[in-house]
Amino acid sequence: FFFGSSYPKMPAVVILGCGGVGRALLKQIAATKLTVAAVCDSKNALVAANGAFTAAQLSAIAEAKAAGKPLAVEGATVVPVTDSAGLAAVLKQCKEAAGGKCFVADCTASDATGPAMAEAGVAVALANKKPVTSSIDLYNKLALENPRNFRNESTVGAGLPVMAMLRRMVTSGDPISRVAGCFSGTLGFVMSGLEAGKKLSDVVAEAKSLGYTEPDPREDLSGMDVARKALIIARSMGWKLEMDDVKVEGMYPPEMGQDKMSVDEFMAALPSLDADMAGKAQAAAADGKVLRFAAVVADGKCLVGLQSVPKNTAMGALQGTDNIVEVISSCYPVSPLVIQGAGAGTETTASGVLADLLELADIHA
């Protein structure tokens, strides 16, 4: 594609992904100083003819994708993007046309975006966890070779300022000895249900009906999403860990895994776990504690799974779908630094990406 000689040398924002988060970002970004030069879905890149979409065009793109329509808007060029190399080519051309300043918002769940962004040498704002939980080599290229080009607030806790807080603590030289938290709104809802005396099978079915879980609840109950967030936190602290180094204990046995039974069969078999889970909840309550599905990053290790925590602590008092992170450091040796709030939702997640984009724009102004 070709912007033309009249293209103004302004910073270019490229948005990857037109799902819920991407569409929310398209609407939010229209009210800012940022200019969007291209929008990509899984098949195509839509490039603005003059280097910047109008607010009306961004709204039209979001509405079209919400209706399941192809990526298109009047006055823009559609460029097929079938693989990581094709995406890298689009990003390089956007970067060149913008005079070297290209900020990419990755709102996908794709494995292909990380290598493309690294090859293009662009600044990134991530909601997608995969670029920062794949190989440590890719993480180093994106996050460490030029830290001024890297932000990933929405990979942990949606819009909560978890990553910004950790980055400031590491930069200031405050040694972090322990980070613990509940990073899944879905599993928080399940834990609150168990605390209230509900059966595991009933509360999971309720969460599924409310749209809190993935279509296959095992995606949540496996704990892998929490494990990815624990790895992101560990890497932000300078730990050279891979995904295999994270110890994860999910909430169902291997014989109920995705390779063993369908979703319907899993939901039908879930009551077989009710008694064991109720026993764990009752044992915790007898000791003045409650069950939480938590991640602990400490002593060079990442542990993810069920924990019994005192009810009178911040984590113990957590209810519903809120997320929480507790940090122990040299400056906070006894009473931890705590951040708590909504840790899910497309608008919240998009706002975290937008804040990262605005920060990148200020850095490169």
Protein backbone atom coordinates (compact mmCIF):
# COMPACT_ATOMS: atom_id res chain seq x y z
CA PHE A 1 0.00 0.00 0.00
CA PHE A 2 1.05 3.61 -0.38
CA PHE A 3 0.24 6.65 1.77
CA GLY A 4 1.31 9.22 -0.83
CA SER A 5 3.65 12.19 -0.62
CA SER A 6 1.04 14.31 1.16
CA TYR A 7 1.01 12.00 4.19
CA PRO A 8 1.77 14.10 7.29
CA LYS A 9 4.68 12.94 9.46
CA MET A 10 2.59 12.35 12.58
CA PRO A 11 2.92 9.41 14.99
CA ALA A 12 0.92 6.46 13.67
CA VAL A 13 -1.21 4.22 15.90
CA VAL A 14 -1.98 0.75 14.58
CA ILE A 15 -4.68 -1.25 16.36
CA LEU A 16 -4.46 -5.03 16.15
CA GLY A 17 -7.68 -6.91 16.89
CA CYS A 18 -11.32 -5.98 16.44
CA GLY A 19 -12.84 -8.05 19.22
CA GLY A 20 -14.47 -6.52 22.29
CA VAL A 21 -11.32 -4.79 23.56
CA GLY A 22 -10.24 -3.58 20.12
CA ARG A 23 -13.66 -2.12 19.36
CA ALA A 24 -13.81 -0.39 22.74
CA LEU A 25 -10.36 1.09 22.08
CA LEU A 26 -11.46 2.37 18.66
CA LYS A 27 -14.22 4.34 20.33
CA GLN A 28 -12.12 5.59 23.24
CA ILE A 29 -9.15 6.69 21.15
CA ALA A 30 -11.31 8.98 18.98
CA ALA A 31 -11.54 11.44 21.88
CA THR A 32 -7.75 11.77 22.25
CA LYS A 33 -4.88 13.47 20.41
CA LEU A 34 -3.78 10.15 18.90
CA THR A 35 -4.19 9.39 15.20
CA VAL A 36 -5.01 5.87 14.04
CA ALA A 37 -3.34 5.00 10.74
CA ALA A 38 -4.39 1.35 10.44
CA VAL A 39 -6.67 -1.25 11.98
CA CYS A 40 -6.07 -4.99 11.60
CA ASP A 41 -8.19 -8.06 12.16
CA SER A 42 -7.12 -11.68 11.66
CA LYS A 43 -7.26 -11.41 7.85
CA ASN A 44 -6.67 -7.85 6.72
CA ALA A 45 -5.18 -4.47 7.53
CA LEU A 46 -7.32 -1.41 6.84
CA VAL A 47 -5.06 1.56 6.13
CA ALA A 48 -6.24 5.19 6.17
CA ALA A 49 -5.69 6.91 2.84
CA ASN A 50 -4.24 10.08 4.37
CA GLY A 51 -2.62 8.42 7.38
CA ALA A 52 -5.38 9.10 9.90
CA PHE A 53 -8.91 7.82 10.32
CA THR A 54 -11.57 10.29 11.43
CA ALA A 55 -13.60 9.68 14.58
CA ALA A 56 -16.59 8.83 12.37
CA GLN A 57 -14.53 6.26 10.47
CA LEU A 58 -13.28 4.64 13.68
CA SER A 59 -16.86 4.37 14.94
CA ALA A 60 -17.97 2.87 11.62
CA ILE A 61 -15.19 0.29 11.76
CA ALA A 62 -16.15 -0.71 15.31
CA GLU A 63 -19.83 -1.01 14.42
CA ALA A 64 -19.11 -3.04 11.30
CA LYS A 65 -16.92 -5.52 13.18
CA ALA A 66 -19.48 -5.81 15.99
CA ALA A 67 -22.00 -6.82 13.32
CA GLY A 68 -19.62 -9.45 11.96
CA LYS A 69 -18.91 -7.57 8.75
CA PRO A 70 -15.56 -7.46 6.90
CA LEU A 71 -12.98 -4.85 7.79
CA ALA A 72 -13.78 -1.93 5.46
CA VAL A 73 -14.60 1.77 5.45
CA GLU A 74 -14.90 4.31 2.66
CA GLY A 75 -11.62 6.01 1.76
CA ALA A 76 -9.33 3.31 3.14
CA THR A 77 -7.18 0.58 1.58
CA VAL A 78 -7.58 -3.09 2.50
CA VAL A 79 -4.30 -5.02 2.64
CA PRO A 80 -4.42 -8.83 3.09
CA VAL A 81 -2.45 -9.99 6.13
CA THR A 82 -2.13 -13.75 6.33
CA ASP A 83 0.87 -14.30 8.59
CA SER A 84 3.41 -12.69 10.89
CA ALA A 85 5.63 -11.61 7.98
CA GLY A 86 2.71 -9.86 6.29
CA LEU A 87 1.83 -8.02 9.49
CA ALA A 88 5.45 -6.99 9.98
CA ALA A 89 5.49 -5.52 6.47
CA VAL A 90 2.39 -3.42 7.21
CA LEU A 91 3.87 -2.19 10.50
CA LYS A 92 7.18 -1.28 8.84
CA GLN A 93 5.43 0.77 6.17
CA CYS A 94 3.28 2.56 8.75
CA LYS A 95 6.40 3.31 10.77
CA GLU A 96 8.29 4.63 7.73
CA ALA A 97 5.37 6.78 6.60
CA ALA A 98 5.04 8.25 10.10
CA GLY A 99 8.68 9.30 10.27
CA GLY A 100 9.68 6.42 12.51
CA LYS A 101 7.04 6.84 15.21
CA CYS A 102 4.60 3.92 15.22
CA PHE A 103 2.67 2.78 18.31
CA VAL A 104 0.96 -0.62 18.08
CA ALA A 105 -1.93 -1.61 20.35
CA ASP A 106 -2.18 -5.41 20.43
CA CYS A 107 -5.72 -6.32 21.45
CA THR A 108 -5.59 -9.81 19.93
CA ALA A 109 -5.02 -13.25 21.43
CA SER A 110 -2.62 -14.17 18.62
CA ASP A 111 0.81 -15.79 18.70
CA ALA A 112 1.76 -14.07 15.43
CA THR A 113 1.76 -10.46 16.59
CA GLY A 114 4.79 -10.64 18.90
CA PRO A 115 7.34 -11.67 16.24
CA ALA A 116 5.86 -9.14 13.79
CA MET A 117 6.13 -6.26 16.28
CA ALA A 118 9.66 -7.26 17.23
CA GLU A 119 10.75 -7.43 13.57
CA ALA A 120 9.19 -4.05 12.77
CA GLY A 121 10.83 -2.36 15.76
CA VAL A 122 7.67 -0.52 16.80
CA ALA A 123 6.55 0.72 20.20
CA VAL A 124 3.90 -1.55 21.72
CA ALA A 125 0.98 -1.33 24.15
CA LEU A 126 -0.27 -4.81 24.95
CA ALA A 127 -3.48 -6.38 26.13
CA ASN A 128 -2.39 -9.63 24.48
CA LYS A 129 -0.45 -11.78 26.95
CA LYS A 130 1.10 -14.12 24.39
CA PRO A 131 3.95 -11.87 23.21
CA VAL A 132 5.20 -11.59 26.80
CA THR A 133 4.61 -15.19 27.90
CA SER A 134 6.17 -17.00 24.94
CA SER A 135 9.95 -17.38 24.71
CA ILE A 136 12.18 -15.27 26.90
CA ASP A 137 14.06 -14.23 23.75
CA LEU A 138 10.93 -12.60 22.28
CA TYR A 139 10.17 -10.98 25.64
CA ASN A 140 13.67 -9.52 25.75
CA LYS A 141 13.33 -8.08 22.24
CA LEU A 142 10.00 -6.42 22.99
CA ALA A 143 10.47 -5.34 26.60
CA LEU A 144 14.17 -4.97 27.34
CA GLU A 145 16.03 -3.91 24.19
CA ASN A 146 14.23 -0.56 24.26
CA PRO A 147 12.08 -0.19 27.40
CA ARG A 148 10.84 3.22 26.18
CA ASN A 149 8.93 1.34 23.46
CA PHE A 150 7.17 -1.14 25.73
CA ARG A 151 4.02 -0.97 27.86
CA ASN A 152 1.76 -3.84 28.92
CA GLU A 153 -0.59 -2.56 31.62
CA SER A 154 -3.62 -4.49 30.39
CA THR A 155 -1.92 -7.89 30.42
CA VAL A 156 -2.47 -8.11 34.19
CA GLY A 157 -5.54 -6.79 35.97
CA ALA A 158 -7.12 -5.10 32.92
CA GLY A 159 -6.88 -1.36 33.63
CA LEU A 160 -5.53 -1.62 37.18
CA PRO A 161 -2.09 0.07 37.43
CA VAL A 162 -0.30 -3.13 38.43
CA MET A 163 2.45 -3.14 35.81
CA ALA A 164 3.08 0.60 36.15
CA MET A 165 3.47 0.17 39.90
CA LEU A 166 5.92 -2.73 39.52
CA ARG A 167 7.88 -0.88 36.84
CA ARG A 168 8.28 2.16 39.09
CA MET A 169 9.36 0.02 42.05
CA VAL A 170 11.95 -1.85 39.97
CA THR A 171 13.23 1.39 38.39
CA SER A 172 13.58 3.06 41.79
CA GLY A 173 15.60 0.14 43.14
CA ASP A 174 13.04 -1.04 45.70
CA PRO A 175 13.72 -4.80 45.98
CA ILE A 176 10.47 -6.78 45.62
CA SER A 177 10.49 -9.98 47.66
CA ARG A 178 6.93 -11.20 47.11
CA VAL A 179 3.94 -10.52 44.87
CA ALA A 180 0.67 -12.33 45.53
CA GLY A 181 -2.74 -11.83 44.08
CA CYS A 182 -6.01 -12.99 42.59
CA PHE A 183 -5.90 -12.21 38.88
CA SER A 184 -9.06 -13.89 37.59
CA GLY A 185 -12.46 -12.28 37.98
CA THR A 186 -14.07 -15.56 36.97
CA LEU A 187 -12.27 -17.56 39.64
CA GLY A 188 -12.93 -14.78 42.15
CA PHE A 189 -16.65 -15.20 41.48
CA VAL A 190 -16.30 -18.97 41.97
CA MET A 191 -14.39 -18.53 45.24
CA SER A 192 -17.02 -16.12 46.58
CA GLY A 193 -19.69 -18.68 45.74
CA LEU A 194 -17.86 -21.43 47.59
CA GLU A 195 -17.40 -19.11 50.57
CA ALA A 196 -21.17 -18.55 50.58
CA GLY A 197 -21.77 -22.30 50.74
CA LYS A 198 -22.68 -22.92 47.11
CA LYS A 199 -21.69 -26.10 45.32
CA LEU A 200 -18.79 -25.85 42.87
CA SER A 201 -20.92 -27.21 40.03
CA ASP A 202 -23.68 -24.70 40.71
CA VAL A 203 -21.43 -21.63 40.92
CA VAL A 204 -19.51 -22.61 37.77
CA ALA A 205 -22.81 -23.09 35.91
CA GLU A 206 -23.95 -19.67 37.18
CA ALA A 207 -20.71 -18.02 36.09
CA LYS A 208 -21.03 -19.64 32.66
CA SER A 209 -24.62 -18.44 32.27
CA LEU A 210 -23.56 -14.89 33.19
CA GLY A 211 -20.82 -14.94 30.55
CA TYR A 212 -18.02 -14.73 33.12
CA THR A 213 -16.30 -17.92 31.93
CA GLU A 214 -14.90 -18.81 28.55
CA PRO A 215 -17.26 -20.99 26.43
CA ASP A 216 -15.30 -23.91 27.91
CA PRO A 217 -15.01 -23.14 31.66
CA ARG A 218 -11.89 -25.29 31.85
CA GLU A 219 -10.03 -22.40 30.19
CA ASP A 220 -10.59 -20.55 33.48
CA LEU A 221 -10.56 -23.44 35.94
CA SER A 222 -7.21 -24.71 34.62
CA GLY A 223 -5.53 -21.65 36.11
CA MET A 224 -3.43 -21.11 32.98
CA ASP A 225 -4.59 -17.53 32.48
CA VAL A 226 -3.52 -16.73 36.05
CA ALA A 227 -0.23 -18.54 35.41
CA ARG A 228 0.49 -16.33 32.39
CA LYS A 229 -0.09 -13.23 34.50
CA ALA A 230 2.22 -14.59 37.22
CA LEU A 231 4.92 -15.12 34.59
CA ILE A 232 4.47 -11.57 33.28
CA ILE A 233 4.92 -10.21 36.80
CA ALA A 234 8.01 -12.37 37.40
CA ARG A 235 9.60 -11.27 34.13
CA SER A 236 8.87 -7.61 34.92
CA MET A 237 10.93 -8.12 38.08
CA GLY A 238 13.86 -9.37 36.00
CA TRP A 239 13.38 -13.11 36.48
CA LYS A 240 14.43 -15.23 33.48
CA LEU A 241 11.58 -17.74 33.66
CA GLU A 242 9.69 -19.67 30.99
CA MET A 243 6.06 -20.80 31.12
CA ASP A 244 7.15 -24.32 32.07
CA ASP A 245 8.74 -22.89 35.23
CA VAL A 246 5.33 -21.85 36.61
CA LYS A 247 3.75 -24.49 38.85
CA VAL A 248 -0.01 -24.60 38.28
CA GLU A 249 -2.63 -26.65 40.12
CA GLY A 250 -5.98 -26.38 38.40
CA MET A 251 -9.42 -27.05 39.82
CA TYR A 252 -10.20 -30.29 37.99
CA PRO A 253 -8.30 -33.58 37.48
CA PRO A 254 -6.59 -34.58 34.20
CA GLU A 255 -9.29 -37.13 33.42
CA MET A 256 -11.75 -34.23 33.00
CA GLY A 257 -9.46 -32.35 30.61
CA GLN A 258 -10.29 -30.97 27.18
CA ASP A 259 -8.70 -33.97 25.49
CA LYS A 260 -10.85 -36.37 27.52
CA MET A 261 -14.40 -35.00 27.34
CA SER A 262 -16.58 -32.35 25.73
CA VAL A 263 -17.79 -29.19 27.46
CA ASP A 264 -21.23 -30.70 28.05
CA GLU A 265 -19.67 -33.86 29.48
CA PHE A 266 -17.44 -31.75 31.73
CA MET A 267 -20.38 -29.75 33.07
CA ALA A 268 -22.29 -32.99 33.69
CA ALA A 269 -19.31 -34.47 35.55
CA LEU A 270 -18.58 -31.35 37.61
CA PRO A 271 -20.84 -32.37 40.55
CA SER A 272 -18.37 -35.19 41.24
CA LEU A 273 -15.99 -32.51 42.53
CA ASP A 274 -18.54 -30.80 44.78
CA ALA A 275 -17.89 -32.77 47.96
CA ASP A 276 -14.11 -32.42 47.85
CA MET A 277 -14.29 -28.68 47.19
CA ALA A 278 -16.91 -28.16 49.90
CA GLY A 279 -14.64 -30.00 52.32
CA LYS A 280 -11.74 -27.69 51.50
CA ALA A 281 -13.93 -24.61 51.95
CA GLN A 282 -15.25 -25.89 55.29
CA ALA A 283 -11.76 -26.76 56.53
CA ALA A 284 -10.58 -23.27 55.69
CA ALA A 285 -13.59 -21.68 57.41
CA ALA A 286 -12.95 -23.70 60.59
CA ASP A 287 -9.50 -22.12 60.72
CA GLY A 288 -10.81 -18.58 60.15
CA LYS A 289 -9.74 -18.66 56.52
CA VAL A 290 -11.26 -18.67 53.04
CA LEU A 291 -10.28 -20.26 49.74
CA ARG A 292 -8.76 -18.09 47.05
CA PHE A 293 -7.35 -19.05 43.67
CA ALA A 294 -4.13 -17.11 43.85
CA ALA A 295 -0.71 -16.64 42.34
CA VAL A 296 2.40 -16.21 44.46
CA VAL A 297 5.63 -14.91 42.95
CA ALA A 298 8.44 -15.25 45.51
CA ASP A 299 11.84 -16.84 46.08
CA GLY A 300 12.43 -17.29 42.37
CA LYS A 301 9.26 -19.35 41.94
CA CYS A 302 5.74 -18.86 40.59
CA LEU A 303 3.02 -20.91 42.28
CA VAL A 304 -0.61 -20.84 41.10
CA GLY A 305 -3.57 -22.63 42.66
CA LEU A 306 -5.99 -22.82 45.58
CA GLN A 307 -4.83 -21.27 48.83
CA SER A 308 -6.38 -20.79 52.25
CA VAL A 309 -5.89 -17.20 53.38
CA PRO A 310 -6.99 -15.41 56.57
CA LYS A 311 -10.41 -13.85 56.14
CA ASN A 312 -9.32 -10.59 57.79
CA THR A 313 -6.72 -9.81 55.11
CA ALA A 314 -7.23 -7.82 51.92
CA MET A 315 -7.15 -10.99 49.82
CA GLY A 316 -9.44 -12.77 52.25
CA ALA A 317 -11.99 -9.96 52.09
CA LEU A 318 -12.04 -9.97 48.27
CA GLN A 319 -15.49 -10.56 46.80
CA GLY A 320 -16.97 -11.16 43.37
CA THR A 321 -14.98 -10.52 40.21
CA ASP A 322 -12.51 -7.98 41.62
CA ASN A 323 -8.76 -8.54 41.23
CA ILE A 324 -6.15 -7.81 43.86
CA VAL A 325 -2.36 -7.65 44.02
CA GLU A 326 -0.26 -7.44 47.19
CA VAL A 327 3.42 -6.49 47.03
CA ILE A 328 6.04 -6.94 49.75
CA SER A 329 9.25 -4.99 49.22
CA SER A 330 11.96 -3.13 51.10
CA CYS A 331 9.69 -0.09 51.31
CA TYR A 332 6.64 -2.21 52.21
CA PRO A 333 8.13 -4.97 54.40
CA VAL A 334 5.16 -5.77 56.64
CA SER A 335 1.98 -4.10 55.44
CA PRO A 336 1.88 -4.83 51.70
CA LEU A 337 1.19 -2.36 48.95
CA VAL A 338 -2.28 -3.32 47.71
CA ILE A 339 -4.10 -2.55 44.46
CA GLN A 340 -7.67 -3.78 44.11
CA GLY A 341 -10.50 -3.23 41.66
CA ALA A 342 -12.25 -4.48 38.56
CA GLY A 343 -9.85 -6.76 36.74
CA ALA A 344 -11.91 -7.60 33.70
CA GLY A 345 -14.19 -6.04 31.12
CA THR A 346 -13.61 -4.74 27.63
CA GLU A 347 -13.93 -1.05 28.50
CA THR A 348 -11.58 -1.34 31.46
CA THR A 349 -9.02 -3.31 29.50
CA ALA A 350 -9.20 -0.90 26.57
CA SER A 351 -8.67 2.05 28.91
CA GLY A 352 -5.45 0.46 30.14
CA VAL A 353 -4.20 0.09 26.56
CA LEU A 354 -5.19 3.67 25.78
CA ALA A 355 -3.30 4.98 28.83
CA ASP A 356 -0.23 3.07 27.63
CA LEU A 357 -0.54 4.55 24.13
CA LEU A 358 -0.80 8.08 25.53
CA GLU A 359 2.24 7.48 27.71
CA LEU A 360 4.23 6.20 24.72
CA ALA A 361 3.17 9.27 22.73
CA ASP A 362 4.39 11.56 25.52
CA ILE A 363 7.70 9.70 25.76
CA HIS A 364 8.32 10.02 22.03
CA ALA A 365 6.99 13.58 21.66
